[in-house]
Amino acid sequence: MEPIISITDLSKVYDSGFRALGGVNLDIRPGEIFALLGPNGAGKTTLIGIVCGLVRRTTGDVRVDGRDIDRDYRAVRAMIGLVPQELTTDAFETVWATVNFSRGLFGKPSNPALIERLLRELSLWEKKDSTIRTLSGGMKRRVMIAKALAHEPQILFLDEPTAGVDVELRKDMWEIVRKLAQSGVTIILTTHYIEEAEEMADRIGIINKGEIVLVEEKAKLIARLGRKQLVLHLQSRLDTVPTSLERHKLALAGDGRNLVFTYDTRAERTGITALLTDLATAGIRFSDLETRESSLEDIFVDLVRSAS
């Protein structure tokens, strides 16, 4: 399957000499939800800006559906919807007029039925005659999504779409994104909420200091780089880990009432049997145990730290 977005050797160096991106290579598949993760200043917004035609690249090749983003700017931009971090709308315009005007900017004919469907799906229909300035932050964010979808794009960029949105509204927006992907829209998402990527993304890309550190299927990434932990709830508190147990690289937690053992599930031997034997020999008893699997956030932190 040909990628819907193909980025090759992309770099961006500003006049100040700051290198925002360097040698970025990335392919986005049609219809997928791709989450781009990275710390502040990693280059996420710059990358999105270049693909959307808002930022000029320094070097490299960027194609959308096979079209060069500069030579075929109008065709490319018509394929893309962008929900930026900033809530940039006319505060005194109504919701209906704002979304309808956005469709007209792309030369699309009036389609009230489509605008109504978008507003209903985004729970904005009751607010259609309200001015933007009267809306909550979450509602304004939904208006930005409606604006981005008004011209029926094939690709939707969501740059921190749930920043400042409460948990309940965030989950509603996750459902909206899933439905868009199911309808065939390609979603590229940047987020500070790692659980957002873990919940929704098909693939994960991690960017740090302007370079792509890793791109992987979400499930494969967690299976390949994830770790498991065995947490032992002790009957008696420990001040330090006994020297006889040092080879297991245990960590004390819970004010000395828990021992944490990290192991690799892919290894031929996990070391759990040997650990339990050594615990018994050392006279350390536990009342309960549980296993925990590392989250995408754990993996992200480890990768960024190792790449720094």
C-alpha atoms as a PDB file:
ATOM      1  CA  MET A   1       0.000   0.000   0.000  1.00  0.00           C
ATOM      2  CA  GLU A   2       1.390   3.404  -1.019  1.00  0.00           C
ATOM      3  CA  PRO A   3       1.760   5.890   1.858  1.00  0.00           C
ATOM      4  CA  ILE A   4      -0.644   8.824   1.973  1.00  0.00           C
ATOM      5  CA  ILE A   5       2.202  10.981   3.336  1.00  0.00           C
ATOM      6  CA  SER A   6       5.844  10.320   2.477  1.00  0.00           C
ATOM      7  CA  ILE A   7       8.628  12.363   4.129  1.00  0.00           C
ATOM      8  CA  THR A   8      12.238  11.886   3.024  1.00  0.00           C
ATOM      9  CA  ASP A   9      15.398  13.488   4.488  1.00  0.00           C
ATOM     10  CA  LEU A  10      13.402  16.448   5.781  1.00  0.00           C
ATOM     11  CA  SER A  11      15.243  19.221   7.627  1.00  0.00           C
ATOM     12  CA  LYS A  12      14.341  22.655   8.929  1.00  0.00           C
ATOM     13  CA  VAL A  13      16.959  25.168  10.041  1.00  0.00           C
ATOM     14  CA  TYR A  14      15.780  28.629  11.060  1.00  0.00           C
ATOM     15  CA  ASP A  15      17.645  31.846  10.252  1.00  0.00           C
ATOM     16  CA  SER A  16      18.936  31.916  13.822  1.00  0.00           C
ATOM     17  CA  GLY A  17      20.773  28.660  13.111  1.00  0.00           C
ATOM     18  CA  PHE A  18      18.435  26.559  15.258  1.00  0.00           C
ATOM     19  CA  ARG A  19      17.867  23.126  13.739  1.00  0.00           C
ATOM     20  CA  ALA A  20      14.256  22.180  14.399  1.00  0.00           C
ATOM     21  CA  LEU A  21      14.318  19.035  12.208  1.00  0.00           C
ATOM     22  CA  GLY A  22      17.153  16.982  10.817  1.00  0.00           C
ATOM     23  CA  GLY A  23      16.978  14.069   8.378  1.00  0.00           C
ATOM     24  CA  VAL A  24      13.393  13.055   9.143  1.00  0.00           C
ATOM     25  CA  ASN A  25      12.097  10.030   7.217  1.00  0.00           C
ATOM     26  CA  LEU A  26       8.510   8.981   7.807  1.00  0.00           C
ATOM     27  CA  ASP A  27       5.665   7.300   5.917  1.00  0.00           C
ATOM     28  CA  ILE A  28       2.036   7.559   7.035  1.00  0.00           C
ATOM     29  CA  ARG A  29      -0.380   4.877   5.843  1.00  0.00           C
ATOM     30  CA  PRO A  30      -3.868   5.657   4.504  1.00  0.00           C
ATOM     31  CA  GLY A  31      -6.595   5.353   7.116  1.00  0.00           C
ATOM     32  CA  GLU A  32      -4.349   4.858  10.136  1.00  0.00           C
ATOM     33  CA  ILE A  33      -4.216   6.728  13.422  1.00  0.00           C
ATOM     34  CA  PHE A  34      -0.580   7.730  13.846  1.00  0.00           C
ATOM     35  CA  ALA A  35       0.541   9.258  17.144  1.00  0.00           C
ATOM     36  CA  LEU A  36       3.652  11.428  17.107  1.00  0.00           C
ATOM     37  CA  LEU A  37       5.121  11.742  20.582  1.00  0.00           C
ATOM     38  CA  GLY A  38       7.976  13.862  21.814  1.00  0.00           C
ATOM     39  CA  PRO A  39       8.945  16.321  24.555  1.00  0.00           C
ATOM     40  CA  ASN A  40       8.427  20.078  24.196  1.00  0.00           C
ATOM     41  CA  GLY A  41      10.630  21.478  21.449  1.00  0.00           C
ATOM     42  CA  ALA A  42      11.156  18.072  19.819  1.00  0.00           C
ATOM     43  CA  GLY A  43       9.901  19.282  16.419  1.00  0.00           C
ATOM     44  CA  LYS A  44       6.336  17.924  16.336  1.00  0.00           C
ATOM     45  CA  THR A  45       4.596  21.182  15.471  1.00  0.00           C
ATOM     46  CA  THR A  46       7.318  22.151  12.966  1.00  0.00           C
ATOM     47  CA  LEU A  47       6.867  18.833  11.176  1.00  0.00           C
ATOM     48  CA  ILE A  48       3.100  19.295  10.993  1.00  0.00           C
ATOM     49  CA  GLY A  49       3.534  22.887   9.835  1.00  0.00           C
ATOM     50  CA  ILE A  50       5.748  21.820   6.930  1.00  0.00           C
ATOM     51  CA  VAL A  51       3.352  19.128   5.705  1.00  0.00           C
ATOM     52  CA  CYS A  52       0.418  21.559   5.979  1.00  0.00           C
ATOM     53  CA  GLY A  53       2.267  24.277   4.058  1.00  0.00           C
ATOM     54  CA  LEU A  54       2.587  26.672   6.998  1.00  0.00           C
ATOM     55  CA  VAL A  55       6.366  26.327   7.428  1.00  0.00           C
ATOM     56  CA  ARG A  56       8.965  26.253   4.647  1.00  0.00           C
ATOM     57  CA  ARG A  57      11.276  23.224   4.685  1.00  0.00           C
ATOM     58  CA  THR A  58      15.031  23.737   4.378  1.00  0.00           C
ATOM     59  CA  THR A  59      15.772  20.471   2.579  1.00  0.00           C
ATOM     60  CA  GLY A  60      14.031  17.186   1.856  1.00  0.00           C
ATOM     61  CA  ASP A  61      11.050  15.812   0.003  1.00  0.00           C
ATOM     62  CA  VAL A  62       7.464  15.775   1.276  1.00  0.00           C
ATOM     63  CA  ARG A  63       4.649  14.227  -0.735  1.00  0.00           C
ATOM     64  CA  VAL A  64       0.963  13.885   0.031  1.00  0.00           C
ATOM     65  CA  ASP A  65      -0.838  11.264  -2.052  1.00  0.00           C
ATOM     66  CA  GLY A  66       2.145  11.383  -4.416  1.00  0.00           C
ATOM     67  CA  ARG A  67       2.004  15.183  -4.847  1.00  0.00           C
ATOM     68  CA  ASP A  68       4.841  17.529  -3.899  1.00  0.00           C
ATOM     69  CA  ILE A  69       3.635  19.908  -1.181  1.00  0.00           C
ATOM     70  CA  ASP A  70       5.084  22.967  -2.928  1.00  0.00           C
ATOM     71  CA  ARG A  71       4.410  22.296  -6.608  1.00  0.00           C
ATOM     72  CA  ASP A  72       0.863  21.038  -5.941  1.00  0.00           C
ATOM     73  CA  TYR A  73       0.139  23.205  -2.926  1.00  0.00           C
ATOM     74  CA  ARG A  74      -3.566  23.813  -3.552  1.00  0.00           C
ATOM     75  CA  ALA A  75      -4.380  20.161  -4.241  1.00  0.00           C
ATOM     76  CA  VAL A  76      -2.384  19.024  -1.228  1.00  0.00           C
ATOM     77  CA  ARG A  77      -3.846  21.607   1.142  1.00  0.00           C
ATOM     78  CA  ALA A  78      -7.387  20.685   0.068  1.00  0.00           C
ATOM     79  CA  MET A  79      -6.691  17.112   1.207  1.00  0.00           C
ATOM     80  CA  ILE A  80      -5.639  18.219   4.692  1.00  0.00           C
ATOM     81  CA  GLY A  81      -7.557  19.359   7.742  1.00  0.00           C
ATOM     82  CA  LEU A  82      -5.588  20.898  10.619  1.00  0.00           C
ATOM     83  CA  VAL A  83      -6.605  21.377  14.231  1.00  0.00           C
ATOM     84  CA  PRO A  84      -3.805  23.520  15.712  1.00  0.00           C
ATOM     85  CA  GLN A  85      -2.941  23.899  19.373  1.00  0.00           C
ATOM     86  CA  GLU A  86      -4.107  27.509  19.440  1.00  0.00           C
ATOM     87  CA  LEU A  87      -7.826  28.261  19.412  1.00  0.00           C
ATOM     88  CA  THR A  88      -7.807  30.712  16.479  1.00  0.00           C
ATOM     89  CA  THR A  89     -11.365  31.730  15.612  1.00  0.00           C
ATOM     90  CA  ASP A  90     -13.350  34.962  15.348  1.00  0.00           C
ATOM     91  CA  ALA A  91     -14.704  35.393  18.880  1.00  0.00           C
ATOM     92  CA  PHE A  92     -17.803  37.294  17.722  1.00  0.00           C
ATOM     93  CA  GLU A  93     -18.832  34.925  14.923  1.00  0.00           C
ATOM     94  CA  THR A  94     -21.379  32.136  15.420  1.00  0.00           C
ATOM     95  CA  VAL A  95     -20.479  28.458  15.389  1.00  0.00           C
ATOM     96  CA  TRP A  96     -22.466  27.835  12.194  1.00  0.00           C
ATOM     97  CA  ALA A  97     -20.928  30.774  10.323  1.00  0.00           C
ATOM     98  CA  THR A  98     -17.403  29.841  11.450  1.00  0.00           C
ATOM     99  CA  VAL A  99     -17.639  26.266  10.200  1.00  0.00           C
ATOM    100  CA  ASN A 100     -19.518  27.176   7.021  1.00  0.00           C
ATOM    101  CA  PHE A 101     -16.967  29.878   6.144  1.00  0.00           C
ATOM    102  CA  SER A 102     -14.121  27.406   6.559  1.00  0.00           C
ATOM    103  CA  ARG A 103     -15.692  25.160   3.923  1.00  0.00           C
ATOM    104  CA  GLY A 104     -15.971  28.103   1.545  1.00  0.00           C
ATOM    105  CA  LEU A 105     -12.271  28.902   1.912  1.00  0.00           C
ATOM    106  CA  PHE A 106     -11.497  25.709   0.001  1.00  0.00           C
ATOM    107  CA  GLY A 107     -13.896  26.554  -2.814  1.00  0.00           C
ATOM    108  CA  LYS A 108     -16.394  23.928  -1.757  1.00  0.00           C
ATOM    109  CA  PRO A 109     -20.066  24.541  -2.584  1.00  0.00           C
ATOM    110  CA  SER A 110     -22.478  25.221   0.247  1.00  0.00           C
ATOM    111  CA  ASN A 111     -23.623  22.047   1.982  1.00  0.00           C
ATOM    112  CA  PRO A 112     -25.846  22.797   4.999  1.00  0.00           C
ATOM    113  CA  ALA A 113     -26.612  19.099   5.514  1.00  0.00           C
ATOM    114  CA  LEU A 114     -22.910  18.318   5.930  1.00  0.00           C
ATOM    115  CA  ILE A 115     -22.366  21.214   8.340  1.00  0.00           C
ATOM    116  CA  GLU A 116     -25.371  20.086  10.386  1.00  0.00           C
ATOM    117  CA  ARG A 117     -24.054  16.517  10.517  1.00  0.00           C
ATOM    118  CA  LEU A 118     -20.627  17.704  11.706  1.00  0.00           C
ATOM    119  CA  LEU A 119     -22.121  19.915  14.396  1.00  0.00           C
ATOM    120  CA  ARG A 120     -24.396  17.150  15.627  1.00  0.00           C
ATOM    121  CA  GLU A 121     -21.580  14.576  15.706  1.00  0.00           C
ATOM    122  CA  LEU A 122     -19.427  17.000  17.669  1.00  0.00           C
ATOM    123  CA  SER A 123     -22.265  17.863  20.102  1.00  0.00           C
ATOM    124  CA  LEU A 124     -22.323  21.449  18.825  1.00  0.00           C
ATOM    125  CA  TRP A 125     -25.767  21.577  17.231  1.00  0.00           C
ATOM    126  CA  GLU A 126     -27.423  23.240  20.230  1.00  0.00           C
ATOM    127  CA  LYS A 127     -24.684  25.886  20.101  1.00  0.00           C
ATOM    128  CA  LYS A 128     -24.885  26.567  16.347  1.00  0.00           C
ATOM    129  CA  ASP A 129     -26.185  30.130  16.841  1.00  0.00           C
ATOM    130  CA  SER A 130     -23.891  30.919  19.789  1.00  0.00           C
ATOM    131  CA  THR A 131     -20.883  33.168  19.315  1.00  0.00           C
ATOM    132  CA  ILE A 132     -17.472  31.582  19.800  1.00  0.00           C
ATOM    133  CA  ARG A 133     -16.631  33.825  22.757  1.00  0.00           C
ATOM    134  CA  THR A 134     -19.506  32.345  24.795  1.00  0.00           C
ATOM    135  CA  LEU A 135     -18.238  28.756  24.475  1.00  0.00           C
ATOM    136  CA  SER A 136     -16.179  26.768  26.944  1.00  0.00           C
ATOM    137  CA  GLY A 137     -12.622  25.757  26.054  1.00  0.00           C
ATOM    138  CA  GLY A 138     -13.755  22.229  25.239  1.00  0.00           C
ATOM    139  CA  MET A 139     -16.525  23.473  22.944  1.00  0.00           C
ATOM    140  CA  LYS A 140     -14.094  25.801  21.167  1.00  0.00           C
ATOM    141  CA  ARG A 141     -11.822  22.819  20.578  1.00  0.00           C
ATOM    142  CA  ARG A 142     -14.746  20.961  18.993  1.00  0.00           C
ATOM    143  CA  VAL A 143     -15.430  23.953  16.740  1.00  0.00           C
ATOM    144  CA  MET A 144     -11.794  23.771  15.583  1.00  0.00           C
ATOM    145  CA  ILE A 145     -12.318  20.117  14.641  1.00  0.00           C
ATOM    146  CA  ALA A 146     -15.548  20.973  12.793  1.00  0.00           C
ATOM    147  CA  LYS A 147     -13.711  23.740  10.881  1.00  0.00           C
ATOM    148  CA  ALA A 148     -10.950  21.316   9.923  1.00  0.00           C
ATOM    149  CA  LEU A 149     -13.476  18.774   8.642  1.00  0.00           C
ATOM    150  CA  ALA A 150     -15.797  21.182   6.831  1.00  0.00           C
ATOM    151  CA  HIS A 151     -14.082  20.747   3.454  1.00  0.00           C
ATOM    152  CA  GLU A 152     -14.104  16.924   3.782  1.00  0.00           C
ATOM    153  CA  PRO A 153     -10.323  16.308   3.978  1.00  0.00           C
ATOM    154  CA  GLN A 154      -8.734  12.883   3.604  1.00  0.00           C
ATOM    155  CA  ILE A 155      -6.078  13.659   6.215  1.00  0.00           C
ATOM    156  CA  LEU A 156      -6.590  15.258   9.632  1.00  0.00           C
ATOM    157  CA  PHE A 157      -3.770  16.655  11.763  1.00  0.00           C
ATOM    158  CA  LEU A 158      -4.587  17.033  15.450  1.00  0.00           C
ATOM    159  CA  ASP A 159      -1.915  19.021  17.271  1.00  0.00           C
ATOM    160  CA  GLU A 160      -2.531  18.532  21.000  1.00  0.00           C
ATOM    161  CA  PRO A 161      -6.316  18.300  20.392  1.00  0.00           C
ATOM    162  CA  THR A 162      -7.295  17.699  24.021  1.00  0.00           C
ATOM    163  CA  ALA A 163      -4.972  20.194  25.708  1.00  0.00           C
ATOM    164  CA  GLY A 164      -6.927  21.850  28.508  1.00  0.00           C
ATOM    165  CA  VAL A 165      -9.932  19.579  27.994  1.00  0.00           C
ATOM    166  CA  ASP A 166     -11.431  17.713  30.960  1.00  0.00           C
ATOM    167  CA  VAL A 167     -11.242  13.924  31.151  1.00  0.00           C
ATOM    168  CA  GLU A 168     -14.864  13.266  30.176  1.00  0.00           C
ATOM    169  CA  LEU A 169     -14.698  15.521  27.120  1.00  0.00           C
ATOM    170  CA  ARG A 170     -11.328  14.031  26.184  1.00  0.00           C
ATOM    171  CA  LYS A 171     -12.871  10.562  26.001  1.00  0.00           C
ATOM    172  CA  ASP A 172     -15.714  11.921  23.846  1.00  0.00           C
ATOM    173  CA  MET A 173     -13.149  13.336  21.448  1.00  0.00           C
ATOM    174  CA  TRP A 174     -11.291  10.003  21.337  1.00  0.00           C
ATOM    175  CA  GLU A 175     -14.536   8.436  20.109  1.00  0.00           C
ATOM    176  CA  ILE A 176     -14.897  11.132  17.446  1.00  0.00           C
ATOM    177  CA  VAL A 177     -11.368  10.428  16.212  1.00  0.00           C
ATOM    178  CA  ARG A 178     -12.045   6.676  16.055  1.00  0.00           C
ATOM    179  CA  LYS A 179     -15.164   7.242  13.956  1.00  0.00           C
ATOM    180  CA  LEU A 180     -13.231   9.485  11.573  1.00  0.00           C
ATOM    181  CA  ALA A 181     -10.572   6.816  11.115  1.00  0.00           C
ATOM    182  CA  GLN A 182     -13.238   4.183  10.517  1.00  0.00           C
ATOM    183  CA  SER A 183     -14.657   6.401   7.757  1.00  0.00           C
ATOM    184  CA  GLY A 184     -11.270   6.367   6.010  1.00  0.00           C
ATOM    185  CA  VAL A 185      -9.748   9.628   7.250  1.00  0.00           C
ATOM    186  CA  THR A 186      -6.033   9.370   8.060  1.00  0.00           C
ATOM    187  CA  ILE A 187      -5.327  10.824  11.524  1.00  0.00           C
ATOM    188  CA  ILE A 188      -1.970  12.215  12.660  1.00  0.00           C
ATOM    189  CA  LEU A 189      -2.061  13.065  16.340  1.00  0.00           C
ATOM    190  CA  THR A 190       0.430  14.818  18.593  1.00  0.00           C
ATOM    191  CA  THR A 191      -0.259  14.681  22.294  1.00  0.00           C
ATOM    192  CA  HIS A 192       1.246  15.151  25.730  1.00  0.00           C
ATOM    193  CA  TYR A 193      -1.236  12.630  27.111  1.00  0.00           C
ATOM    194  CA  ILE A 194       0.551   9.319  26.582  1.00  0.00           C
ATOM    195  CA  GLU A 195      -2.600   7.384  27.481  1.00  0.00           C
ATOM    196  CA  GLU A 196      -4.270   9.102  24.522  1.00  0.00           C
ATOM    197  CA  ALA A 197      -1.775   7.516  22.130  1.00  0.00           C
ATOM    198  CA  GLU A 198      -1.956   4.215  23.980  1.00  0.00           C
ATOM    199  CA  GLU A 199      -5.740   4.223  23.720  1.00  0.00           C
ATOM    200  CA  MET A 200      -6.135   5.205  20.070  1.00  0.00           C
ATOM    201  CA  ALA A 201      -3.041   4.900  17.898  1.00  0.00           C
ATOM    202  CA  ASP A 202      -2.303   2.147  15.407  1.00  0.00           C
ATOM    203  CA  ARG A 203       1.347   3.183  15.209  1.00  0.00           C
ATOM    204  CA  ILE A 204       3.605   5.299  17.381  1.00  0.00           C
ATOM    205  CA  GLY A 205       6.375   7.618  16.242  1.00  0.00           C
ATOM    206  CA  ILE A 206       8.761   9.182  18.752  1.00  0.00           C
ATOM    207  CA  ILE A 207      10.643  12.360  17.882  1.00  0.00           C
ATOM    208  CA  ASN A 208      13.367  13.971  19.964  1.00  0.00           C
ATOM    209  CA  LYS A 209      15.618  16.933  19.148  1.00  0.00           C
ATOM    210  CA  GLY A 210      14.285  17.054  15.596  1.00  0.00           C
ATOM    211  CA  GLU A 211      14.983  13.417  14.789  1.00  0.00           C
ATOM    212  CA  ILE A 212      12.721  10.389  14.597  1.00  0.00           C
ATOM    213  CA  VAL A 213      13.870   8.003  17.314  1.00  0.00           C
ATOM    214  CA  LEU A 214      11.489   5.155  16.525  1.00  0.00           C
ATOM    215  CA  VAL A 215       8.384   4.232  14.517  1.00  0.00           C
ATOM    216  CA  GLU A 216       6.551   1.035  15.434  1.00  0.00           C
ATOM    217  CA  GLU A 217       3.164  -0.623  15.624  1.00  0.00           C
ATOM    218  CA  LYS A 218       1.821   0.155  19.075  1.00  0.00           C
ATOM    219  CA  ALA A 219       1.330  -3.466  20.124  1.00  0.00           C
ATOM    220  CA  LYS A 220       4.764  -4.500  18.821  1.00  0.00           C
ATOM    221  CA  LEU A 221       6.409  -1.556  20.557  1.00  0.00           C
ATOM    222  CA  ILE A 222       4.943  -2.463  23.927  1.00  0.00           C
ATOM    223  CA  ALA A 223       5.798  -6.147  23.402  1.00  0.00           C
ATOM    224  CA  ARG A 224       9.362  -5.389  22.279  1.00  0.00           C
ATOM    225  CA  LEU A 225      10.365  -2.675  24.730  1.00  0.00           C
ATOM    226  CA  GLY A 226       7.887  -3.236  27.513  1.00  0.00           C
ATOM    227  CA  ARG A 227       8.879  -4.772  30.808  1.00  0.00           C
ATOM    228  CA  LYS A 228       6.984  -6.597  33.495  1.00  0.00           C
ATOM    229  CA  GLN A 229       7.323  -6.070  37.198  1.00  0.00           C
ATOM    230  CA  LEU A 230       6.622  -8.430  40.037  1.00  0.00           C
ATOM    231  CA  VAL A 231       5.598  -6.482  43.141  1.00  0.00           C
ATOM    232  CA  LEU A 232       5.930  -8.320  46.450  1.00  0.00           C
ATOM    233  CA  HIS A 233       3.956  -6.939  49.386  1.00  0.00           C
ATOM    234  CA  LEU A 234       6.131  -7.690  52.411  1.00  0.00           C
ATOM    235  CA  GLN A 235       4.938  -8.821  55.805  1.00  0.00           C
ATOM    236  CA  SER A 236       7.647  -6.744  57.473  1.00  0.00           C
ATOM    237  CA  ARG A 237       9.147  -3.441  56.380  1.00  0.00           C
ATOM    238  CA  LEU A 238      12.713  -3.337  54.998  1.00  0.00           C
ATOM    239  CA  ASP A 239      15.141  -0.399  55.242  1.00  0.00           C
ATOM    240  CA  THR A 240      17.462  -1.750  52.534  1.00  0.00           C
ATOM    241  CA  VAL A 241      17.602  -4.674  50.118  1.00  0.00           C
ATOM    242  CA  PRO A 242      19.756  -7.460  51.678  1.00  0.00           C
ATOM    243  CA  THR A 243      23.118  -8.011  49.947  1.00  0.00           C
ATOM    244  CA  SER A 244      22.137 -11.648  49.305  1.00  0.00           C
ATOM    245  CA  LEU A 245      19.455 -10.350  46.923  1.00  0.00           C
ATOM    246  CA  GLU A 246      21.548  -7.762  45.060  1.00  0.00           C
ATOM    247  CA  ARG A 247      21.864  -9.915  41.931  1.00  0.00           C
ATOM    248  CA  HIS A 248      18.130  -9.596  41.352  1.00  0.00           C
ATOM    249  CA  LYS A 249      18.370  -5.770  41.141  1.00  0.00           C
ATOM    250  CA  LEU A 250      15.349  -5.261  43.340  1.00  0.00           C
ATOM    251  CA  ALA A 251      13.883  -1.866  44.213  1.00  0.00           C
ATOM    252  CA  LEU A 252      12.205  -0.912  47.468  1.00  0.00           C
ATOM    253  CA  ALA A 253       8.872   0.870  47.194  1.00  0.00           C
ATOM    254  CA  GLY A 254       5.917   1.761  49.355  1.00  0.00           C
ATOM    255  CA  ASP A 255       8.049   3.037  52.238  1.00  0.00           C
ATOM    256  CA  GLY A 256       9.962  -0.255  52.372  1.00  0.00           C
ATOM    257  CA  ARG A 257       6.889  -2.462  52.371  1.00  0.00           C
ATOM    258  CA  ASN A 258       7.144  -3.541  48.719  1.00  0.00           C
ATOM    259  CA  LEU A 259       9.906  -5.180  46.720  1.00  0.00           C
ATOM    260  CA  VAL A 260       9.803  -4.619  42.961  1.00  0.00           C
ATOM    261  CA  PHE A 261      11.436  -7.082  40.562  1.00  0.00           C
ATOM    262  CA  THR A 262      11.676  -6.097  36.876  1.00  0.00           C
ATOM    263  CA  TYR A 263      12.009  -8.860  34.317  1.00  0.00           C
ATOM    264  CA  ASP A 264      11.878  -9.532  30.594  1.00  0.00           C
ATOM    265  CA  THR A 265       9.008 -11.795  29.546  1.00  0.00           C
ATOM    266  CA  ARG A 266      10.864 -12.734  26.340  1.00  0.00           C
ATOM    267  CA  ALA A 267      13.856 -14.170  28.168  1.00  0.00           C
ATOM    268  CA  GLU A 268      14.278 -17.935  28.408  1.00  0.00           C
ATOM    269  CA  ARG A 269      14.280 -17.581  32.194  1.00  0.00           C
ATOM    270  CA  THR A 270      12.566 -14.704  33.984  1.00  0.00           C
ATOM    271  CA  GLY A 271      14.481 -15.234  37.230  1.00  0.00           C
ATOM    272  CA  ILE A 272      11.322 -15.342  39.333  1.00  0.00           C
ATOM    273  CA  THR A 273      11.942 -18.881  40.611  1.00  0.00           C
ATOM    274  CA  ALA A 274      15.480 -18.002  41.704  1.00  0.00           C
ATOM    275  CA  LEU A 275      14.214 -14.824  43.358  1.00  0.00           C
ATOM    276  CA  LEU A 276      11.580 -16.656  45.386  1.00  0.00           C
ATOM    277  CA  THR A 277      14.186 -19.203  46.499  1.00  0.00           C
ATOM    278  CA  ASP A 278      16.576 -16.457  47.613  1.00  0.00           C
ATOM    279  CA  LEU A 279      13.785 -14.633  49.440  1.00  0.00           C
ATOM    280  CA  ALA A 280      12.967 -17.759  51.426  1.00  0.00           C
ATOM    281  CA  THR A 281      16.656 -18.276  52.247  1.00  0.00           C
ATOM    282  CA  ALA A 282      16.920 -14.663  53.444  1.00  0.00           C
ATOM    283  CA  GLY A 283      13.834 -15.128  55.625  1.00  0.00           C
ATOM    284  CA  ILE A 284      11.831 -12.475  53.834  1.00  0.00           C
ATOM    285  CA  ARG A 285       8.135 -13.250  53.709  1.00  0.00           C
ATOM    286  CA  PHE A 286       5.444 -11.565  51.646  1.00  0.00           C
ATOM    287  CA  SER A 287       1.679 -11.460  52.085  1.00  0.00           C
ATOM    288  CA  ASP A 288       0.737 -10.907  48.466  1.00  0.00           C
ATOM    289  CA  LEU A 289       2.179 -10.316  45.014  1.00  0.00           C
ATOM    290  CA  GLU A 290       1.058  -8.730  41.757  1.00  0.00           C
ATOM    291  CA  THR A 291       2.438  -8.204  38.269  1.00  0.00           C
ATOM    292  CA  ARG A 292       2.487  -4.926  36.370  1.00  0.00           C
ATOM    293  CA  GLU A 293       3.254  -4.291  32.713  1.00  0.00           C
ATOM    294  CA  SER A 294       5.133  -1.174  31.647  1.00  0.00           C
ATOM    295  CA  SER A 295       2.984   1.375  29.893  1.00  0.00           C
ATOM    296  CA  LEU A 296       3.678   3.305  26.724  1.00  0.00           C
ATOM    297  CA  GLU A 297       4.641   6.212  28.982  1.00  0.00           C
ATOM    298  CA  ASP A 298       7.402   4.144  30.598  1.00  0.00           C
ATOM    299  CA  ILE A 299       8.735   3.179  27.169  1.00  0.00           C
ATOM    300  CA  PHE A 300       8.541   6.771  25.929  1.00  0.00           C
ATOM    301  CA  VAL A 301      10.484   8.107  28.903  1.00  0.00           C
ATOM    302  CA  ASP A 302      13.165   5.434  28.519  1.00  0.00           C
ATOM    303  CA  LEU A 303      13.583   6.092  24.779  1.00  0.00           C
ATOM    304  CA  VAL A 304      13.780   9.872  25.138  1.00  0.00           C
ATOM    305  CA  ARG A 305      16.217   9.569  28.028  1.00  0.00           C
ATOM    306  CA  SER A 306      18.488   7.209  26.095  1.00  0.00           C
ATOM    307  CA  ALA A 307      18.363   9.449  23.001  1.00  0.00           C
ATOM    308  CA  SER A 308      19.270  12.593  24.947  1.00  0.00           C
END
